mmCIF file of all heavy atoms, coordinates in Angstrom:
data_MODEL
# 
_entry.id   MODEL 
# 
loop_
_atom_site.group_PDB 
_atom_site.id 
_atom_site.type_symbol 
_atom_site.label_atom_id 
_atom_site.label_alt_id 
_atom_site.label_comp_id 
_atom_site.label_asym_id 
_atom_site.label_entity_id 
_atom_site.label_seq_id 
_atom_site.pdbx_PDB_ins_code 
_atom_site.Cartn_x 
_atom_site.Cartn_y 
_atom_site.Cartn_z 
_atom_site.occupancy 
_atom_site.B_iso_or_equiv 
_atom_site.pdbx_formal_charge 
_atom_site.auth_seq_id 
_atom_site.auth_comp_id 
_atom_site.auth_asym_id 
_atom_site.auth_atom_id 
_atom_site.pdbx_PDB_model_num 
ATOM 1   N N   . GLN A 1 1  ? 9.169  -155.419 1.786  1.00 0.00 ? 1  GLN A N   1 
ATOM 2   C CA  . GLN A 1 1  ? 9.215  -155.479 3.275  1.00 0.00 ? 1  GLN A CA  1 
ATOM 3   C C   . GLN A 1 1  ? 7.815  -155.087 3.749  1.00 0.00 ? 1  GLN A C   1 
ATOM 4   O O   . GLN A 1 1  ? 7.300  -155.683 4.783  1.00 0.00 ? 1  GLN A O   1 
ATOM 5   C CB  . GLN A 1 1  ? 10.260 -154.577 3.801  1.00 0.00 ? 1  GLN A CB  1 
ATOM 6   C CG  . GLN A 1 1  ? 11.637 -155.181 3.636  1.00 0.00 ? 1  GLN A CG  1 
ATOM 7   C CD  . GLN A 1 1  ? 11.897 -156.403 4.517  1.00 0.00 ? 1  GLN A CD  1 
ATOM 8   O OE1 . GLN A 1 1  ? 11.494 -156.590 5.604  1.00 0.00 ? 1  GLN A OE1 1 
ATOM 9   N NE2 . GLN A 1 1  ? 12.566 -157.454 3.860  1.00 0.00 ? 1  GLN A NE2 1 
ATOM 10  N N   . ILE A 1 2  ? 7.205  -154.070 3.263  1.00 0.00 ? 2  ILE A N   1 
ATOM 11  C CA  . ILE A 1 2  ? 5.902  -153.642 3.735  1.00 0.00 ? 2  ILE A CA  1 
ATOM 12  C C   . ILE A 1 2  ? 4.831  -154.768 3.510  1.00 0.00 ? 2  ILE A C   1 
ATOM 13  O O   . ILE A 1 2  ? 4.052  -154.990 4.474  1.00 0.00 ? 2  ILE A O   1 
ATOM 14  C CB  . ILE A 1 2  ? 5.439  -152.324 2.990  1.00 0.00 ? 2  ILE A CB  1 
ATOM 15  C CG1 . ILE A 1 2  ? 6.296  -151.182 3.364  1.00 0.00 ? 2  ILE A CG1 1 
ATOM 16  C CG2 . ILE A 1 2  ? 3.956  -151.995 3.228  1.00 0.00 ? 2  ILE A CG2 1 
ATOM 17  C CD1 . ILE A 1 2  ? 6.051  -149.892 2.578  1.00 0.00 ? 2  ILE A CD1 1 
ATOM 18  N N   . GLU A 1 3  ? 4.969  -155.399 2.327  1.00 0.00 ? 3  GLU A N   1 
ATOM 19  C CA  . GLU A 1 3  ? 3.947  -156.483 2.079  1.00 0.00 ? 3  GLU A CA  1 
ATOM 20  C C   . GLU A 1 3  ? 4.174  -157.645 2.976  1.00 0.00 ? 3  GLU A C   1 
ATOM 21  O O   . GLU A 1 3  ? 3.205  -158.326 3.382  1.00 0.00 ? 3  GLU A O   1 
ATOM 22  C CB  . GLU A 1 3  ? 4.047  -156.836 0.630  1.00 0.00 ? 3  GLU A CB  1 
ATOM 23  C CG  . GLU A 1 3  ? 3.673  -155.786 -0.378 1.00 0.00 ? 3  GLU A CG  1 
ATOM 24  C CD  . GLU A 1 3  ? 2.111  -155.704 -0.495 1.00 0.00 ? 3  GLU A CD  1 
ATOM 25  O OE1 . GLU A 1 3  ? 1.397  -156.488 0.181  1.00 0.00 ? 3  GLU A OE1 1 
ATOM 26  O OE2 . GLU A 1 3  ? 1.616  -154.875 -1.345 1.00 0.00 ? 3  GLU A OE2 1 
ATOM 27  N N   . GLN A 1 4  ? 5.417  -157.925 3.335  1.00 0.00 ? 4  GLN A N   1 
ATOM 28  C CA  . GLN A 1 4  ? 5.683  -159.110 4.146  1.00 0.00 ? 4  GLN A CA  1 
ATOM 29  C C   . GLN A 1 4  ? 5.637  -158.872 5.717  1.00 0.00 ? 4  GLN A C   1 
ATOM 30  O O   . GLN A 1 4  ? 5.220  -159.809 6.344  1.00 0.00 ? 4  GLN A O   1 
ATOM 31  C CB  . GLN A 1 4  ? 7.152  -159.648 3.836  1.00 0.00 ? 4  GLN A CB  1 
ATOM 32  C CG  . GLN A 1 4  ? 7.229  -160.137 2.398  1.00 0.00 ? 4  GLN A CG  1 
ATOM 33  C CD  . GLN A 1 4  ? 8.674  -160.653 2.118  1.00 0.00 ? 4  GLN A CD  1 
ATOM 34  O OE1 . GLN A 1 4  ? 9.698  -160.355 2.888  1.00 0.00 ? 4  GLN A OE1 1 
ATOM 35  N NE2 . GLN A 1 4  ? 8.926  -161.304 0.964  1.00 0.00 ? 4  GLN A NE2 1 
ATOM 36  N N   . LYS A 1 5  ? 6.014  -157.729 6.147  1.00 0.00 ? 5  LYS A N   1 
ATOM 37  C CA  . LYS A 1 5  ? 6.119  -157.531 7.573  1.00 0.00 ? 5  LYS A CA  1 
ATOM 38  C C   . LYS A 1 5  ? 4.966  -156.667 8.200  1.00 0.00 ? 5  LYS A C   1 
ATOM 39  O O   . LYS A 1 5  ? 4.847  -156.647 9.381  1.00 0.00 ? 5  LYS A O   1 
ATOM 40  C CB  . LYS A 1 5  ? 7.413  -156.792 7.821  1.00 0.00 ? 5  LYS A CB  1 
ATOM 41  C CG  . LYS A 1 5  ? 8.719  -157.540 7.300  1.00 0.00 ? 5  LYS A CG  1 
ATOM 42  C CD  . LYS A 1 5  ? 8.929  -158.808 8.060  1.00 0.00 ? 5  LYS A CD  1 
ATOM 43  C CE  . LYS A 1 5  ? 10.118 -159.582 7.521  1.00 0.00 ? 5  LYS A CE  1 
ATOM 44  N NZ  . LYS A 1 5  ? 11.399 -158.868 7.648  1.00 0.00 ? 5  LYS A NZ  1 
ATOM 45  N N   . THR A 1 6  ? 4.113  -156.070 7.461  1.00 0.00 ? 6  THR A N   1 
ATOM 46  C CA  . THR A 1 6  ? 3.118  -155.175 7.966  1.00 0.00 ? 6  THR A CA  1 
ATOM 47  C C   . THR A 1 6  ? 1.745  -155.598 7.486  1.00 0.00 ? 6  THR A C   1 
ATOM 48  O O   . THR A 1 6  ? 1.605  -156.330 6.500  1.00 0.00 ? 6  THR A O   1 
ATOM 49  C CB  . THR A 1 6  ? 3.337  -153.663 7.586  1.00 0.00 ? 6  THR A CB  1 
ATOM 50  O OG1 . THR A 1 6  ? 2.891  -153.495 6.227  1.00 0.00 ? 6  THR A OG1 1 
ATOM 51  C CG2 . THR A 1 6  ? 4.768  -153.304 7.708  1.00 0.00 ? 6  THR A CG2 1 
ATOM 52  N N   . PRO A 1 7  ? 0.641  -155.137 8.137  1.00 0.00 ? 7  PRO A N   1 
ATOM 53  C CA  . PRO A 1 7  ? -0.681 -155.442 7.654  1.00 0.00 ? 7  PRO A CA  1 
ATOM 54  C C   . PRO A 1 7  ? -1.136 -154.494 6.519  1.00 0.00 ? 7  PRO A C   1 
ATOM 55  O O   . PRO A 1 7  ? -2.255 -154.568 6.109  1.00 0.00 ? 7  PRO A O   1 
ATOM 56  C CB  . PRO A 1 7  ? -1.524 -155.215 8.917  1.00 0.00 ? 7  PRO A CB  1 
ATOM 57  C CG  . PRO A 1 7  ? -0.759 -154.227 9.708  1.00 0.00 ? 7  PRO A CG  1 
ATOM 58  C CD  . PRO A 1 7  ? 0.633  -154.436 9.490  1.00 0.00 ? 7  PRO A CD  1 
ATOM 59  N N   . TYR A 1 8  ? -0.247 -153.625 6.092  1.00 0.00 ? 8  TYR A N   1 
ATOM 60  C CA  . TYR A 1 8  ? -0.576 -152.665 5.130  1.00 0.00 ? 8  TYR A CA  1 
ATOM 61  C C   . TYR A 1 8  ? -0.474 -153.164 3.688  1.00 0.00 ? 8  TYR A C   1 
ATOM 62  O O   . TYR A 1 8  ? 0.287  -154.101 3.447  1.00 0.00 ? 8  TYR A O   1 
ATOM 63  C CB  . TYR A 1 8  ? 0.288  -151.359 5.154  1.00 0.00 ? 8  TYR A CB  1 
ATOM 64  C CG  . TYR A 1 8  ? 0.338  -150.757 6.580  1.00 0.00 ? 8  TYR A CG  1 
ATOM 65  C CD1 . TYR A 1 8  ? 1.499  -150.223 7.021  1.00 0.00 ? 8  TYR A CD1 1 
ATOM 66  C CD2 . TYR A 1 8  ? -0.698 -150.702 7.434  1.00 0.00 ? 8  TYR A CD2 1 
ATOM 67  C CE1 . TYR A 1 8  ? 1.629  -149.710 8.259  1.00 0.00 ? 8  TYR A CE1 1 
ATOM 68  C CE2 . TYR A 1 8  ? -0.737 -150.121 8.622  1.00 0.00 ? 8  TYR A CE2 1 
ATOM 69  C CZ  . TYR A 1 8  ? 0.537  -149.629 9.099  1.00 0.00 ? 8  TYR A CZ  1 
ATOM 70  O OH  . TYR A 1 8  ? 0.571  -149.085 10.351 1.00 0.00 ? 8  TYR A OH  1 
ATOM 71  N N   . LYS A 1 9  ? -1.305 -152.631 2.764  1.00 0.00 ? 9  LYS A N   1 
ATOM 72  C CA  . LYS A 1 9  ? -1.292 -153.021 1.353  1.00 0.00 ? 9  LYS A CA  1 
ATOM 73  C C   . LYS A 1 9  ? -0.735 -151.910 0.566  1.00 0.00 ? 9  LYS A C   1 
ATOM 74  O O   . LYS A 1 9  ? -1.157 -150.696 0.620  1.00 0.00 ? 9  LYS A O   1 
ATOM 75  C CB  . LYS A 1 9  ? -2.780 -153.359 0.885  1.00 0.00 ? 9  LYS A CB  1 
ATOM 76  C CG  . LYS A 1 9  ? -2.876 -153.662 -0.612 1.00 0.00 ? 9  LYS A CG  1 
ATOM 77  C CD  . LYS A 1 9  ? -2.148 -154.970 -0.936 1.00 0.00 ? 9  LYS A CD  1 
ATOM 78  C CE  . LYS A 1 9  ? -2.255 -155.352 -2.382 1.00 0.00 ? 9  LYS A CE  1 
ATOM 79  N NZ  . LYS A 1 9  ? -1.534 -156.627 -2.723 1.00 0.00 ? 9  LYS A NZ  1 
ATOM 80  N N   . VAL A 1 10 ? 0.247  -152.165 -0.286 1.00 0.00 ? 10 VAL A N   1 
ATOM 81  C CA  . VAL A 1 10 ? 0.865  -151.127 -1.135 1.00 0.00 ? 10 VAL A CA  1 
ATOM 82  C C   . VAL A 1 10 ? -0.033 -151.050 -2.414 1.00 0.00 ? 10 VAL A C   1 
ATOM 83  O O   . VAL A 1 10 ? -0.326 -152.033 -2.990 1.00 0.00 ? 10 VAL A O   1 
ATOM 84  C CB  . VAL A 1 10 ? 2.322  -151.533 -1.490 1.00 0.00 ? 10 VAL A CB  1 
ATOM 85  C CG1 . VAL A 1 10 ? 2.869  -150.533 -2.474 1.00 0.00 ? 10 VAL A CG1 1 
ATOM 86  C CG2 . VAL A 1 10 ? 3.180  -151.700 -0.222 1.00 0.00 ? 10 VAL A CG2 1 
ATOM 87  N N   . VAL A 1 11 ? -0.372 -149.826 -2.663 1.00 0.00 ? 11 VAL A N   1 
ATOM 88  C CA  . VAL A 1 11 ? -1.184 -149.469 -3.908 1.00 0.00 ? 11 VAL A CA  1 
ATOM 89  C C   . VAL A 1 11 ? -0.467 -148.541 -4.772 1.00 0.00 ? 11 VAL A C   1 
ATOM 90  O O   . VAL A 1 11 ? 0.359  -147.701 -4.294 1.00 0.00 ? 11 VAL A O   1 
ATOM 91  C CB  . VAL A 1 11 ? -2.569 -148.893 -3.508 1.00 0.00 ? 11 VAL A CB  1 
ATOM 92  C CG1 . VAL A 1 11 ? -3.385 -149.911 -2.696 1.00 0.00 ? 11 VAL A CG1 1 
ATOM 93  C CG2 . VAL A 1 11 ? -2.384 -147.601 -2.701 1.00 0.00 ? 11 VAL A CG2 1 
ATOM 94  N N   . SER A 1 12 ? -0.605 -148.719 -6.102 1.00 0.00 ? 12 SER A N   1 
ATOM 95  C CA  . SER A 1 12 ? 0.073  -147.862 -6.975 1.00 0.00 ? 12 SER A CA  1 
ATOM 96  C C   . SER A 1 12 ? -0.653 -146.499 -7.271 1.00 0.00 ? 12 SER A C   1 
ATOM 97  O O   . SER A 1 12 ? 0.008  -145.505 -7.708 1.00 0.00 ? 12 SER A O   1 
ATOM 98  C CB  . SER A 1 12 ? 0.168  -148.567 -8.394 1.00 0.00 ? 12 SER A CB  1 
ATOM 99  O OG  . SER A 1 12 ? -1.089 -148.902 -8.893 1.00 0.00 ? 12 SER A OG  1 
ATOM 100 N N   . ASP A 1 13 ? -1.956 -146.444 -6.946 1.00 0.00 ? 13 ASP A N   1 
ATOM 101 C CA  . ASP A 1 13 ? -2.712 -145.242 -7.145 1.00 0.00 ? 13 ASP A CA  1 
ATOM 102 C C   . ASP A 1 13 ? -2.684 -144.398 -5.942 1.00 0.00 ? 13 ASP A C   1 
ATOM 103 O O   . ASP A 1 13 ? -3.212 -144.779 -4.924 1.00 0.00 ? 13 ASP A O   1 
ATOM 104 C CB  . ASP A 1 13 ? -4.146 -145.578 -7.583 1.00 0.00 ? 13 ASP A CB  1 
ATOM 105 C CG  . ASP A 1 13 ? -4.918 -144.430 -7.911 1.00 0.00 ? 13 ASP A CG  1 
ATOM 106 O OD1 . ASP A 1 13 ? -4.353 -143.230 -7.887 1.00 0.00 ? 13 ASP A OD1 1 
ATOM 107 O OD2 . ASP A 1 13 ? -6.156 -144.540 -8.352 1.00 0.00 ? 13 ASP A OD2 1 
ATOM 108 N N   . ARG A 1 14 ? -2.084 -143.283 -6.001 1.00 0.00 ? 14 ARG A N   1 
ATOM 109 C CA  . ARG A 1 14 ? -1.968 -142.354 -4.815 1.00 0.00 ? 14 ARG A CA  1 
ATOM 110 C C   . ARG A 1 14 ? -3.334 -141.864 -4.315 1.00 0.00 ? 14 ARG A C   1 
ATOM 111 O O   . ARG A 1 14 ? -3.533 -141.679 -3.136 1.00 0.00 ? 14 ARG A O   1 
ATOM 112 C CB  . ARG A 1 14 ? -1.123 -141.166 -5.183 1.00 0.00 ? 14 ARG A CB  1 
ATOM 113 C CG  . ARG A 1 14 ? -0.714 -140.219 -3.984 1.00 0.00 ? 14 ARG A CG  1 
ATOM 114 C CD  . ARG A 1 14 ? 0.198  -139.168 -4.389 1.00 0.00 ? 14 ARG A CD  1 
ATOM 115 N NE  . ARG A 1 14 ? 0.726  -138.407 -3.295 1.00 0.00 ? 14 ARG A NE  1 
ATOM 116 C CZ  . ARG A 1 14 ? 0.192  -137.305 -2.828 1.00 0.00 ? 14 ARG A CZ  1 
ATOM 117 N NH1 . ARG A 1 14 ? -1.020 -136.820 -3.397 1.00 0.00 ? 14 ARG A NH1 1 
ATOM 118 N NH2 . ARG A 1 14 ? 0.712  -136.697 -1.835 1.00 0.00 ? 14 ARG A NH2 1 
ATOM 119 N N   . CYS A 1 15 ? -4.277 -141.756 -5.236 1.00 0.00 ? 15 CYS A N   1 
ATOM 120 C CA  . CYS A 1 15 ? -5.620 -141.317 -4.841 1.00 0.00 ? 15 CYS A CA  1 
ATOM 121 C C   . CYS A 1 15 ? -6.301 -142.340 -4.025 1.00 0.00 ? 15 CYS A C   1 
ATOM 122 O O   . CYS A 1 15 ? -7.318 -141.968 -3.269 1.00 0.00 ? 15 CYS A O   1 
ATOM 123 C CB  . CYS A 1 15 ? -6.428 -140.929 -6.109 1.00 0.00 ? 15 CYS A CB  1 
ATOM 124 S SG  . CYS A 1 15 ? -5.791 -139.612 -7.076 1.00 0.00 ? 15 CYS A SG  1 
ATOM 125 N N   . ARG A 1 16 ? -5.967 -143.548 -4.029 1.00 0.00 ? 16 ARG A N   1 
ATOM 126 C CA  . ARG A 1 16 ? -6.670 -144.654 -3.265 1.00 0.00 ? 16 ARG A CA  1 
ATOM 127 C C   . ARG A 1 16 ? -5.857 -145.063 -2.021 1.00 0.00 ? 16 ARG A C   1 
ATOM 128 O O   . ARG A 1 16 ? -6.249 -145.900 -1.363 1.00 0.00 ? 16 ARG A O   1 
ATOM 129 C CB  . ARG A 1 16 ? -6.845 -145.851 -4.117 1.00 0.00 ? 16 ARG A CB  1 
ATOM 130 C CG  . ARG A 1 16 ? -7.676 -145.714 -5.320 1.00 0.00 ? 16 ARG A CG  1 
ATOM 131 C CD  . ARG A 1 16 ? -8.145 -146.989 -6.041 1.00 0.00 ? 16 ARG A CD  1 
ATOM 132 N NE  . ARG A 1 16 ? -6.977 -147.758 -6.501 1.00 0.00 ? 16 ARG A NE  1 
ATOM 133 C CZ  . ARG A 1 16 ? -6.542 -148.853 -5.958 1.00 0.00 ? 16 ARG A CZ  1 
ATOM 134 N NH1 . ARG A 1 16 ? -7.086 -149.371 -4.869 1.00 0.00 ? 16 ARG A NH1 1 
ATOM 135 N NH2 . ARG A 1 16 ? -5.510 -149.529 -6.550 1.00 0.00 ? 16 ARG A NH2 1 
ATOM 136 N N   . ALA A 1 17 ? -4.802 -144.343 -1.721 1.00 0.00 ? 17 ALA A N   1 
ATOM 137 C CA  . ALA A 1 17 ? -3.983 -144.730 -0.622 1.00 0.00 ? 17 ALA A CA  1 
ATOM 138 C C   . ALA A 1 17 ? -4.224 -143.824 0.617  1.00 0.00 ? 17 ALA A C   1 
ATOM 139 O O   . ALA A 1 17 ? -4.634 -142.745 0.506  1.00 0.00 ? 17 ALA A O   1 
ATOM 140 C CB  . ALA A 1 17 ? -2.472 -144.497 -0.960 1.00 0.00 ? 17 ALA A CB  1 
ATOM 141 N N   . ASP A 1 18 ? -4.217 -144.535 1.784  1.00 0.00 ? 18 ASP A N   1 
ATOM 142 C CA  . ASP A 1 18 ? -4.353 -143.769 3.093  1.00 0.00 ? 18 ASP A CA  1 
ATOM 143 C C   . ASP A 1 18 ? -3.189 -142.946 3.379  1.00 0.00 ? 18 ASP A C   1 
ATOM 144 O O   . ASP A 1 18 ? -3.273 -141.854 3.863  1.00 0.00 ? 18 ASP A O   1 
ATOM 145 C CB  . ASP A 1 18 ? -4.581 -144.775 4.166  1.00 0.00 ? 18 ASP A CB  1 
ATOM 146 C CG  . ASP A 1 18 ? -5.941 -145.565 4.035  1.00 0.00 ? 18 ASP A CG  1 
ATOM 147 O OD1 . ASP A 1 18 ? -6.815 -145.000 3.313  1.00 0.00 ? 18 ASP A OD1 1 
ATOM 148 O OD2 . ASP A 1 18 ? -6.078 -146.659 4.578  1.00 0.00 ? 18 ASP A OD2 1 
ATOM 149 N N   . THR A 1 19 ? -1.975 -143.491 3.094  1.00 0.00 ? 19 THR A N   1 
ATOM 150 C CA  . THR A 1 19 ? -0.749 -142.798 3.377  1.00 0.00 ? 19 THR A CA  1 
ATOM 151 C C   . THR A 1 19 ? 0.289  -142.908 2.236  1.00 0.00 ? 19 THR A C   1 
ATOM 152 O O   . THR A 1 19 ? 0.063  -143.720 1.307  1.00 0.00 ? 19 THR A O   1 
ATOM 153 C CB  . THR A 1 19 ? -0.041 -143.464 4.706  1.00 0.00 ? 19 THR A CB  1 
ATOM 154 O OG1 . THR A 1 19 ? 0.280  -144.912 4.358  1.00 0.00 ? 19 THR A OG1 1 
ATOM 155 C CG2 . THR A 1 19 ? -0.969 -143.450 5.916  1.00 0.00 ? 19 THR A CG2 1 
ATOM 156 N N   . GLU A 1 20 ? 1.351  -142.157 2.394  1.00 0.00 ? 20 GLU A N   1 
ATOM 157 C CA  . GLU A 1 20 ? 2.399  -142.124 1.324  1.00 0.00 ? 20 GLU A CA  1 
ATOM 158 C C   . GLU A 1 20 ? 3.794  -142.143 2.046  1.00 0.00 ? 20 GLU A C   1 
ATOM 159 O O   . GLU A 1 20 ? 4.028  -141.339 2.908  1.00 0.00 ? 20 GLU A O   1 
ATOM 160 C CB  . GLU A 1 20 ? 2.327  -141.035 0.418  1.00 0.00 ? 20 GLU A CB  1 
ATOM 161 C CG  . GLU A 1 20 ? 3.355  -140.972 -0.633 1.00 0.00 ? 20 GLU A CG  1 
ATOM 162 C CD  . GLU A 1 20 ? 3.280  -139.696 -1.572 1.00 0.00 ? 20 GLU A CD  1 
ATOM 163 O OE1 . GLU A 1 20 ? 3.469  -138.549 -0.946 1.00 0.00 ? 20 GLU A OE1 1 
ATOM 164 O OE2 . GLU A 1 20 ? 3.012  -139.828 -2.745 1.00 0.00 ? 20 GLU A OE2 1 
ATOM 165 N N   . LEU A 1 21 ? 4.559  -143.129 1.670  1.00 0.00 ? 21 LEU A N   1 
ATOM 166 C CA  . LEU A 1 21 ? 5.926  -143.207 2.135  1.00 0.00 ? 21 LEU A CA  1 
ATOM 167 C C   . LEU A 1 21 ? 6.909  -142.856 1.052  1.00 0.00 ? 21 LEU A C   1 
ATOM 168 O O   . LEU A 1 21 ? 7.049  -143.580 0.041  1.00 0.00 ? 21 LEU A O   1 
ATOM 169 C CB  . LEU A 1 21 ? 6.199  -144.630 2.652  1.00 0.00 ? 21 LEU A CB  1 
ATOM 170 C CG  . LEU A 1 21 ? 7.749  -144.795 3.195  1.00 0.00 ? 21 LEU A CG  1 
ATOM 171 C CD1 . LEU A 1 21 ? 7.925  -144.141 4.444  1.00 0.00 ? 21 LEU A CD1 1 
ATOM 172 C CD2 . LEU A 1 21 ? 7.951  -146.418 3.397  1.00 0.00 ? 21 LEU A CD2 1 
ATOM 173 N N   . SER A 1 22 ? 7.534  -141.655 1.274  1.00 0.00 ? 22 SER A N   1 
ATOM 174 C CA  . SER A 1 22 ? 8.437  -141.157 0.151  1.00 0.00 ? 22 SER A CA  1 
ATOM 175 C C   . SER A 1 22 ? 9.899  -141.002 0.791  1.00 0.00 ? 22 SER A C   1 
ATOM 176 O O   . SER A 1 22 ? 9.994  -140.841 2.014  1.00 0.00 ? 22 SER A O   1 
ATOM 177 C CB  . SER A 1 22 ? 8.001  -139.833 -0.430 1.00 0.00 ? 22 SER A CB  1 
ATOM 178 O OG  . SER A 1 22 ? 7.866  -138.918 0.636  1.00 0.00 ? 22 SER A OG  1 
ATOM 179 N N   . GLY A 1 23 ? 10.892 -141.084 -0.067 1.00 0.00 ? 23 GLY A N   1 
ATOM 180 C CA  . GLY A 1 23 ? 12.206 -140.940 0.497  1.00 0.00 ? 23 GLY A CA  1 
ATOM 181 C C   . GLY A 1 23 ? 13.168 -140.341 -0.592 1.00 0.00 ? 23 GLY A C   1 
ATOM 182 O O   . GLY A 1 23 ? 12.875 -140.345 -1.776 1.00 0.00 ? 23 GLY A O   1 
ATOM 183 N N   . VAL A 1 24 ? 14.278 -139.851 -0.095 1.00 0.00 ? 24 VAL A N   1 
ATOM 184 C CA  . VAL A 1 24 ? 15.345 -139.346 -0.970 1.00 0.00 ? 24 VAL A CA  1 
ATOM 185 C C   . VAL A 1 24 ? 16.672 -140.001 -0.594 1.00 0.00 ? 24 VAL A C   1 
ATOM 186 O O   . VAL A 1 24 ? 17.010 -140.017 0.642  1.00 0.00 ? 24 VAL A O   1 
ATOM 187 C CB  . VAL A 1 24 ? 15.491 -137.830 -0.856 1.00 0.00 ? 24 VAL A CB  1 
ATOM 188 C CG1 . VAL A 1 24 ? 16.588 -137.267 -1.693 1.00 0.00 ? 24 VAL A CG1 1 
ATOM 189 C CG2 . VAL A 1 24 ? 14.110 -137.106 -1.176 1.00 0.00 ? 24 VAL A CG2 1 
ATOM 190 N N   . ILE A 1 25 ? 17.319 -140.599 -1.501 1.00 0.00 ? 25 ILE A N   1 
ATOM 191 C CA  . ILE A 1 25 ? 18.704 -141.138 -1.253 1.00 0.00 ? 25 ILE A CA  1 
ATOM 192 C C   . ILE A 1 25 ? 19.667 -140.009 -1.374 1.00 0.00 ? 25 ILE A C   1 
ATOM 193 O O   . ILE A 1 25 ? 19.873 -139.322 -2.264 1.00 0.00 ? 25 ILE A O   1 
ATOM 194 C CB  . ILE A 1 25 ? 19.083 -142.181 -2.371 1.00 0.00 ? 25 ILE A CB  1 
ATOM 195 C CG1 . ILE A 1 25 ? 18.098 -143.328 -2.297 1.00 0.00 ? 25 ILE A CG1 1 
ATOM 196 C CG2 . ILE A 1 25 ? 20.437 -142.659 -2.163 1.00 0.00 ? 25 ILE A CG2 1 
ATOM 197 C CD1 . ILE A 1 25 ? 18.367 -144.412 -3.421 1.00 0.00 ? 25 ILE A CD1 1 
# 
């Protein structure tokens, strides 16, 4: 959904990311 609906790019390396989206079920 992030890739399809937002201008943001999902990256696997946390050190190269501007933000982090985390969650708990």
